């Protein structure tokens, strides 16, 4: 009988530790925006989407820069899947660290990444940055566009949560000074 309460306590503590870790890594769009508006601490907000996606979906000037985590490789074609392959940007971590250095900020600076939905590039990019020594890397939960409606007349449309659906500033226009470009 003594074993079961101890095991239950251990499971509860493990679950609590996992929950705290997830909360530390993720941040809401509204909280990320609030951090960009304050001046007490340095925060680098990075849009990690491919610039072509930004061109069609929208952009917020609240981000400091766009450094894609994954890039569409237009030099190859996957005939079996009928798509261009998507590959990890080999310079991703180096480009983020270079931006921090350019601003005179160290690797303890909070870096917040944002992709379309938060799951395929946002969270993985924050984890990669943490593994590379940027211990305060985070990601915007639900990303720029937010989650898709599951049912009803708007099923499949991204109309809830995320940056666009939180009343935060965004535009259909890109900022040429912040967007990832190969010509500069």
Protein backbone atom coordinates (compact mmCIF):
# COMPACT_ATOMS: atom_id res chain seq x y z
CA UNK A 1 0.00 0.00 0.00
CA UNK A 2 2.86 2.42 0.74
CA UNK A 3 4.26 1.91 -2.76
CA UNK A 4 1.17 3.15 -4.65
CA UNK A 5 0.98 6.65 -3.08
CA UNK A 6 4.71 7.16 -3.69
CA UNK A 7 4.33 6.06 -7.31
CA UNK A 8 1.32 8.33 -7.80
CA UNK A 9 3.33 11.24 -6.39
CA UNK A 10 6.25 10.47 -8.70
CA UNK A 11 3.93 10.35 -11.73
CA UNK A 12 2.27 13.63 -10.70
CA UNK A 13 5.65 15.34 -10.24
CA UNK A 14 6.86 14.06 -13.62
CA UNK A 15 3.70 15.29 -15.34
CA UNK A 16 4.03 18.69 -13.63
CA UNK A 17 7.67 18.98 -14.73
CA UNK A 18 6.70 18.15 -18.32
CA UNK A 19 3.90 20.71 -18.26
CA UNK A 20 6.20 23.45 -16.95
CA UNK A 21 8.73 22.69 -19.66
CA UNK A 22 6.08 22.99 -22.38
CA UNK A 23 4.87 26.31 -20.96
CA UNK A 24 8.41 27.70 -20.90
CA UNK A 25 9.01 26.81 -24.54
CA UNK A 26 5.70 28.10 -25.90
CA UNK A 27 4.34 31.65 -25.70
CA UNK A 28 1.06 33.10 -26.95
CA UNK A 29 1.01 35.55 -29.84
CA UNK A 30 -0.29 38.31 -27.55
CA UNK A 31 2.46 37.73 -24.98
CA UNK A 32 5.11 37.63 -27.72
CA UNK A 33 3.83 40.93 -29.11
CA UNK A 34 3.81 42.49 -25.62
CA UNK A 35 7.44 41.47 -25.19
CA UNK A 36 8.37 43.20 -28.47
CA UNK A 37 6.75 46.40 -27.21
CA UNK A 38 8.58 46.63 -23.89
CA UNK A 39 12.09 48.03 -23.51
CA UNK A 40 13.20 46.41 -20.24
CA UNK A 41 14.86 43.38 -21.80
CA UNK A 42 16.13 42.38 -25.21
CA UNK A 43 13.85 40.11 -27.23
CA UNK A 44 14.45 38.92 -30.79
CA UNK A 45 11.25 37.93 -32.65
CA UNK A 46 12.02 35.86 -35.75
CA UNK A 47 9.59 34.77 -38.46
CA UNK A 48 10.89 31.33 -39.51
CA UNK A 49 8.64 30.82 -42.57
CA UNK A 50 9.86 30.62 -46.16
CA UNK A 51 9.55 34.13 -47.68
CA UNK A 52 7.28 32.84 -50.44
CA UNK A 53 4.77 31.70 -47.81
CA UNK A 54 4.94 35.12 -46.17
CA UNK A 55 4.31 36.74 -49.54
CA UNK A 56 0.96 34.92 -49.84
CA UNK A 57 -0.13 34.75 -46.20
CA UNK A 58 0.99 38.01 -44.59
CA UNK A 59 3.64 39.50 -42.33
CA UNK A 60 3.95 41.51 -39.15
CA UNK A 61 6.44 44.32 -38.84
CA UNK A 62 6.68 43.45 -35.13
CA UNK A 63 9.20 40.74 -36.07
CA UNK A 64 12.83 41.77 -36.12
CA UNK A 65 13.71 39.63 -39.10
CA UNK A 66 12.81 36.60 -41.18
CA UNK A 67 15.21 33.64 -41.11
CA UNK A 68 13.58 30.51 -42.55
CA UNK A 69 14.00 27.31 -40.56
CA UNK A 70 12.99 25.22 -43.58
CA UNK A 71 13.37 26.29 -47.21
CA UNK A 72 11.72 25.00 -50.35
CA UNK A 73 14.51 23.74 -52.63
CA UNK A 74 13.49 24.86 -56.09
CA UNK A 75 16.57 23.25 -57.66
CA UNK A 76 15.15 19.74 -57.21
CA UNK A 77 11.85 18.05 -57.96
CA UNK A 78 10.33 15.06 -56.20
CA UNK A 79 8.39 13.42 -59.04
CA UNK A 80 7.00 10.69 -56.78
CA UNK A 81 5.32 13.20 -54.47
CA UNK A 82 4.93 15.90 -57.13
CA UNK A 83 6.55 18.57 -54.94
CA UNK A 84 9.72 20.54 -54.38
CA UNK A 85 11.61 19.10 -51.39
CA UNK A 86 11.75 21.13 -48.19
CA UNK A 87 15.12 21.20 -46.46
CA UNK A 88 16.43 22.63 -43.24
CA UNK A 89 18.26 25.92 -43.58
CA UNK A 90 21.83 24.87 -42.76
CA UNK A 91 22.66 28.46 -41.72
CA UNK A 92 19.65 28.94 -39.44
CA UNK A 93 21.43 28.90 -36.08
CA UNK A 94 24.43 30.85 -37.40
CA UNK A 95 22.15 33.55 -38.83
CA UNK A 96 20.26 33.93 -35.55
CA UNK A 97 23.52 34.11 -33.58
CA UNK A 98 24.91 36.64 -36.06
CA UNK A 99 21.82 38.83 -35.60
CA UNK A 100 22.22 38.69 -31.83
CA UNK A 101 25.91 39.63 -32.14
CA UNK A 102 25.07 42.47 -34.54
CA UNK A 103 22.78 43.92 -31.87
CA UNK A 104 25.35 43.37 -29.11
CA UNK A 105 23.14 40.77 -27.41
CA UNK A 106 24.38 37.49 -25.93
CA UNK A 107 23.11 33.93 -26.16
CA UNK A 108 20.94 34.40 -23.05
CA UNK A 109 18.70 36.78 -25.00
CA UNK A 110 15.12 35.63 -25.40
CA UNK A 111 14.58 34.56 -29.02
CA UNK A 112 10.99 33.90 -30.09
CA UNK A 113 10.32 32.06 -33.35
CA UNK A 114 7.04 32.14 -35.25
CA UNK A 115 5.85 30.01 -38.16
CA UNK A 116 2.40 29.53 -39.70
CA UNK A 117 0.89 27.23 -37.07
CA UNK A 118 3.53 26.86 -34.36
CA UNK A 119 4.02 23.14 -34.82
CA UNK A 120 6.17 22.26 -37.85
CA UNK A 121 8.75 25.03 -37.72
CA UNK A 122 8.05 27.21 -34.68
CA UNK A 123 8.51 24.65 -31.93
CA UNK A 124 11.26 22.64 -33.70
CA UNK A 125 13.23 25.82 -34.48
CA UNK A 126 13.06 26.92 -30.83
CA UNK A 127 14.29 23.49 -29.74
CA UNK A 128 17.18 23.61 -32.23
CA UNK A 129 18.17 27.05 -30.93
CA UNK A 130 18.10 25.78 -27.34
CA UNK A 131 20.28 22.83 -28.32
CA UNK A 132 22.71 25.32 -29.89
CA UNK A 133 23.06 27.22 -26.60
CA UNK A 134 20.30 29.82 -26.89
CA UNK A 135 18.67 28.71 -23.66
CA UNK A 136 15.83 31.24 -23.77
CA UNK A 137 14.54 30.33 -27.23
CA UNK A 138 10.75 30.04 -27.43
CA UNK A 139 8.08 29.79 -30.10
CA UNK A 140 4.67 31.37 -30.71
CA UNK A 141 2.05 28.72 -29.98
CA UNK A 142 -0.42 28.57 -32.91
CA UNK A 143 1.96 30.69 -35.01
CA UNK A 144 1.01 33.45 -37.41
CA UNK A 145 -2.19 32.05 -38.90
CA UNK A 146 -3.49 29.98 -36.01
CA UNK A 147 -5.45 26.75 -35.94
CA UNK A 148 -7.95 25.48 -38.47
CA UNK A 149 -11.64 25.31 -37.74
CA UNK A 150 -12.59 21.65 -37.36
CA UNK A 151 -16.31 21.90 -38.21
CA UNK A 152 -18.92 24.16 -39.72
CA UNK A 153 -18.99 26.35 -42.82
CA UNK A 154 -15.42 27.54 -42.22
CA UNK A 155 -13.93 24.08 -41.63
CA UNK A 156 -10.29 23.98 -42.69
CA UNK A 157 -9.82 27.75 -42.52
CA UNK A 158 -7.37 29.19 -40.01
CA UNK A 159 -9.74 31.50 -38.18
CA UNK A 160 -8.91 30.96 -34.51
CA UNK A 161 -5.96 31.93 -32.31
CA UNK A 162 -2.50 32.73 -33.71
CA UNK A 163 -1.14 36.18 -34.53
CA UNK A 164 -3.64 37.14 -37.25
CA UNK A 165 -6.68 36.16 -35.21
CA UNK A 166 -5.55 37.84 -31.98
CA UNK A 167 -6.06 41.41 -33.16
CA UNK A 168 -2.32 41.99 -33.50
CA UNK A 169 -0.82 44.15 -36.27
CA UNK A 170 -0.10 42.47 -39.59
CA UNK A 171 -0.19 43.26 -43.27
CA UNK A 172 -0.30 41.51 -46.63
CA UNK A 173 2.85 43.46 -47.53
CA UNK A 174 6.37 42.30 -46.70
CA UNK A 175 9.07 44.57 -45.30
CA UNK A 176 12.03 44.42 -47.69
CA UNK A 177 14.45 45.27 -44.86
CA UNK A 178 13.31 42.35 -42.68
CA UNK A 179 12.51 39.61 -45.19
CA UNK A 180 15.02 36.85 -45.95
CA UNK A 181 16.60 37.74 -49.27
CA UNK A 182 19.39 36.23 -51.31
CA UNK A 183 20.12 39.51 -53.12
CA UNK A 184 21.62 41.33 -50.13
